[in-house]
Amino acid sequence: MANQTSARIVAENLRRLRLERKWSQEICAEKCGLHRTYIGAVERGERNITLATLDTIAHALKVSAIDLLAKQ
């Protein structure tokens, strides 16, 4: 896990947290007010998200933004 980018860490944490809640990408996207394909792209590390979007996703998951940025 050394030298992981922030985007990759967020991607892994988002996917893990989403699956813990048994949410599909579509349900997660609805709860975030985002498009399903956007959530998929974030989970694949293809999108560099803004801090505002990070906060939006964290709020929907009921975690802090730090939880999405922390290495597991």
N, C-alpha and C. Protein backbone atom coordinates (compact mmCIF):
# COMPACT_ATOMS: atom_id res chain seq x y z
N MET A 1 0.81 -1.20 0.00
CA MET A 1 0.00 0.00 0.00
C MET A 1 0.85 1.26 0.00
N ALA A 2 2.13 1.13 -0.01
CA ALA A 2 2.99 2.30 0.00
C ALA A 2 2.79 3.12 -1.27
N ASN A 3 2.94 4.43 -1.11
CA ASN A 3 2.85 5.37 -2.23
C ASN A 3 1.49 5.38 -2.92
N GLN A 4 0.45 5.09 -2.19
CA GLN A 4 -0.88 5.16 -2.80
C GLN A 4 -1.29 6.62 -2.95
N THR A 5 -1.99 6.90 -4.02
CA THR A 5 -2.52 8.24 -4.21
C THR A 5 -3.76 8.42 -3.37
N SER A 6 -4.09 9.67 -3.09
CA SER A 6 -5.31 9.96 -2.34
C SER A 6 -6.54 9.43 -3.07
N ALA A 7 -6.55 9.53 -4.38
CA ALA A 7 -7.69 9.05 -5.17
C ALA A 7 -7.88 7.54 -4.99
N ARG A 8 -6.79 6.79 -4.94
CA ARG A 8 -6.87 5.34 -4.77
C ARG A 8 -7.35 5.00 -3.36
N ILE A 9 -6.88 5.73 -2.37
CA ILE A 9 -7.31 5.49 -0.98
C ILE A 9 -8.79 5.78 -0.84
N VAL A 10 -9.25 6.91 -1.38
CA VAL A 10 -10.68 7.25 -1.34
C VAL A 10 -11.47 6.17 -2.07
N ALA A 11 -10.97 5.72 -3.20
CA ALA A 11 -11.66 4.69 -3.98
C ALA A 11 -11.87 3.42 -3.15
N GLU A 12 -10.81 2.96 -2.51
CA GLU A 12 -10.91 1.73 -1.72
C GLU A 12 -11.83 1.91 -0.52
N ASN A 13 -11.73 3.05 0.15
CA ASN A 13 -12.58 3.29 1.32
C ASN A 13 -14.04 3.45 0.92
N LEU A 14 -14.30 4.14 -0.16
CA LEU A 14 -15.68 4.30 -0.63
C LEU A 14 -16.29 2.94 -0.93
N ARG A 15 -15.58 2.13 -1.68
CA ARG A 15 -16.10 0.80 -2.04
C ARG A 15 -16.35 -0.04 -0.78
N ARG A 16 -15.38 -0.05 0.13
CA ARG A 16 -15.52 -0.83 1.37
C ARG A 16 -16.73 -0.37 2.18
N LEU A 17 -16.85 0.93 2.38
CA LEU A 17 -17.96 1.47 3.17
C LEU A 17 -19.30 1.24 2.49
N ARG A 18 -19.33 1.38 1.19
CA ARG A 18 -20.57 1.14 0.43
C ARG A 18 -21.01 -0.32 0.58
N LEU A 19 -20.06 -1.23 0.43
CA LEU A 19 -20.38 -2.66 0.53
C LEU A 19 -20.77 -3.05 1.96
N GLU A 20 -20.15 -2.42 2.97
CA GLU A 20 -20.53 -2.69 4.36
C GLU A 20 -22.00 -2.36 4.58
N ARG A 21 -22.49 -1.36 3.86
CA ARG A 21 -23.89 -0.95 3.99
C ARG A 21 -24.81 -1.72 3.05
N LYS A 22 -24.21 -2.59 2.25
CA LYS A 22 -24.95 -3.40 1.27
C LYS A 22 -25.68 -2.51 0.27
N TRP A 23 -25.02 -1.41 -0.12
CA TRP A 23 -25.57 -0.49 -1.11
C TRP A 23 -24.97 -0.82 -2.47
N SER A 24 -25.81 -0.78 -3.48
CA SER A 24 -25.30 -0.81 -4.86
C SER A 24 -24.70 0.56 -5.16
N GLN A 25 -23.97 0.67 -6.25
CA GLN A 25 -23.46 1.97 -6.67
C GLN A 25 -24.63 2.92 -6.94
N GLU A 26 -25.71 2.39 -7.47
CA GLU A 26 -26.88 3.21 -7.77
C GLU A 26 -27.50 3.79 -6.49
N ILE A 27 -27.66 2.97 -5.47
CA ILE A 27 -28.21 3.45 -4.20
C ILE A 27 -27.27 4.47 -3.57
N CYS A 28 -25.99 4.19 -3.59
CA CYS A 28 -25.01 5.12 -3.04
C CYS A 28 -25.08 6.46 -3.78
N ALA A 29 -25.15 6.40 -5.08
CA ALA A 29 -25.23 7.62 -5.88
C ALA A 29 -26.48 8.43 -5.54
N GLU A 30 -27.61 7.75 -5.38
CA GLU A 30 -28.86 8.43 -5.01
C GLU A 30 -28.70 9.14 -3.68
N LYS A 31 -28.13 8.46 -2.70
CA LYS A 31 -27.97 9.03 -1.37
C LYS A 31 -27.01 10.22 -1.39
N CYS A 32 -26.06 10.21 -2.33
CA CYS A 32 -25.09 11.30 -2.46
C CYS A 32 -25.59 12.43 -3.37
N GLY A 33 -26.63 12.15 -4.15
CA GLY A 33 -27.07 13.13 -5.13
C GLY A 33 -26.14 13.21 -6.33
N LEU A 34 -25.50 12.08 -6.63
CA LEU A 34 -24.56 11.99 -7.75
C LEU A 34 -25.02 10.92 -8.72
N HIS A 35 -24.37 10.83 -9.86
CA HIS A 35 -24.72 9.83 -10.86
C HIS A 35 -23.99 8.52 -10.57
N ARG A 36 -24.65 7.41 -10.86
CA ARG A 36 -24.07 6.08 -10.62
C ARG A 36 -22.73 5.92 -11.32
N THR A 37 -22.60 6.40 -12.53
CA THR A 37 -21.33 6.23 -13.25
C THR A 37 -20.22 7.04 -12.59
N TYR A 38 -20.58 8.15 -11.95
CA TYR A 38 -19.59 8.96 -11.24
C TYR A 38 -19.06 8.18 -10.04
N ILE A 39 -19.96 7.57 -9.27
CA ILE A 39 -19.54 6.76 -8.12
C ILE A 39 -18.63 5.63 -8.58
N GLY A 40 -18.98 4.98 -9.68
CA GLY A 40 -18.15 3.91 -10.23
C GLY A 40 -16.77 4.41 -10.60
N ALA A 41 -16.71 5.58 -11.22
CA ALA A 41 -15.42 6.16 -11.62
C ALA A 41 -14.57 6.52 -10.40
N VAL A 42 -15.22 7.01 -9.34
CA VAL A 42 -14.48 7.32 -8.11
C VAL A 42 -13.94 6.03 -7.51
N GLU A 43 -14.75 4.98 -7.48
CA GLU A 43 -14.31 3.70 -6.93
C GLU A 43 -13.17 3.07 -7.73
N ARG A 44 -13.09 3.37 -8.99
CA ARG A 44 -11.99 2.84 -9.82
C ARG A 44 -10.77 3.76 -9.79
N GLY A 45 -10.88 4.87 -9.05
CA GLY A 45 -9.75 5.80 -8.96
C GLY A 45 -9.56 6.62 -10.21
N GLU A 46 -10.60 6.73 -11.02
CA GLU A 46 -10.51 7.46 -12.29
C GLU A 46 -10.85 8.93 -12.15
N ARG A 47 -11.44 9.33 -11.03
CA ARG A 47 -11.86 10.71 -10.83
C ARG A 47 -11.10 11.33 -9.67
N ASN A 48 -10.66 12.54 -9.86
CA ASN A 48 -10.11 13.34 -8.76
C ASN A 48 -11.25 14.21 -8.26
N ILE A 49 -11.79 13.87 -7.10
CA ILE A 49 -12.97 14.55 -6.62
C ILE A 49 -12.60 15.81 -5.84
N THR A 50 -13.53 16.75 -5.79
CA THR A 50 -13.32 17.97 -5.03
C THR A 50 -13.55 17.69 -3.55
N LEU A 51 -13.12 18.62 -2.72
CA LEU A 51 -13.38 18.49 -1.29
C LEU A 51 -14.87 18.54 -1.00
N ALA A 52 -15.60 19.33 -1.77
CA ALA A 52 -17.06 19.40 -1.59
C ALA A 52 -17.70 18.05 -1.87
N THR A 53 -17.25 17.38 -2.93
CA THR A 53 -17.79 16.06 -3.25
C THR A 53 -17.37 15.03 -2.20
N LEU A 54 -16.15 15.14 -1.72
CA LEU A 54 -15.70 14.25 -0.64
C LEU A 54 -16.61 14.41 0.58
N ASP A 55 -16.93 15.65 0.94
CA ASP A 55 -17.83 15.90 2.06
C ASP A 55 -19.23 15.34 1.79
N THR A 56 -19.72 15.49 0.57
CA THR A 56 -21.04 14.98 0.19
C THR A 56 -21.11 13.46 0.35
N ILE A 57 -20.08 12.78 -0.15
CA ILE A 57 -20.04 11.32 -0.05
C ILE A 57 -19.92 10.89 1.40
N ALA A 58 -19.05 11.56 2.16
CA ALA A 58 -18.87 11.22 3.57
C ALA A 58 -20.18 11.40 4.34
N HIS A 59 -20.88 12.48 4.08
CA HIS A 59 -22.16 12.74 4.76
C HIS A 59 -23.16 11.62 4.45
N ALA A 60 -23.26 11.21 3.19
CA ALA A 60 -24.19 10.15 2.81
C ALA A 60 -23.84 8.83 3.50
N LEU A 61 -22.54 8.57 3.66
CA LEU A 61 -22.08 7.34 4.31
C LEU A 61 -22.08 7.45 5.83
N LYS A 62 -22.34 8.66 6.34
CA LYS A 62 -22.34 8.93 7.79
C LYS A 62 -20.96 8.66 8.41
N VAL A 63 -19.93 9.13 7.71
CA VAL A 63 -18.56 9.08 8.21
C VAL A 63 -17.95 10.46 8.00
N SER A 64 -16.76 10.67 8.51
CA SER A 64 -16.07 11.94 8.26
C SER A 64 -15.28 11.84 6.96
N ALA A 65 -14.95 12.99 6.43
CA ALA A 65 -14.11 13.01 5.22
C ALA A 65 -12.77 12.35 5.51
N ILE A 66 -12.28 12.51 6.73
CA ILE A 66 -11.01 11.88 7.12
C ILE A 66 -11.11 10.36 6.99
N ASP A 67 -12.27 9.79 7.31
CA ASP A 67 -12.45 8.34 7.18
C ASP A 67 -12.27 7.88 5.73
N LEU A 68 -12.65 8.73 4.80
CA LEU A 68 -12.48 8.37 3.38
C LEU A 68 -11.04 8.53 2.92
N LEU A 69 -10.28 9.39 3.60
CA LEU A 69 -8.89 9.66 3.21
C LEU A 69 -7.85 8.80 3.94
N ALA A 70 -8.28 8.14 5.01
CA ALA A 70 -7.34 7.37 5.84
C ALA A 70 -7.01 6.01 5.21
N LYS A 71 -5.74 5.68 5.23
CA LYS A 71 -5.32 4.35 4.76
C LYS A 71 -5.84 3.30 5.71
N GLN A 72 -6.29 2.19 5.17
CA GLN A 72 -6.80 1.09 6.01
C GLN A 72 -5.78 0.00 6.12
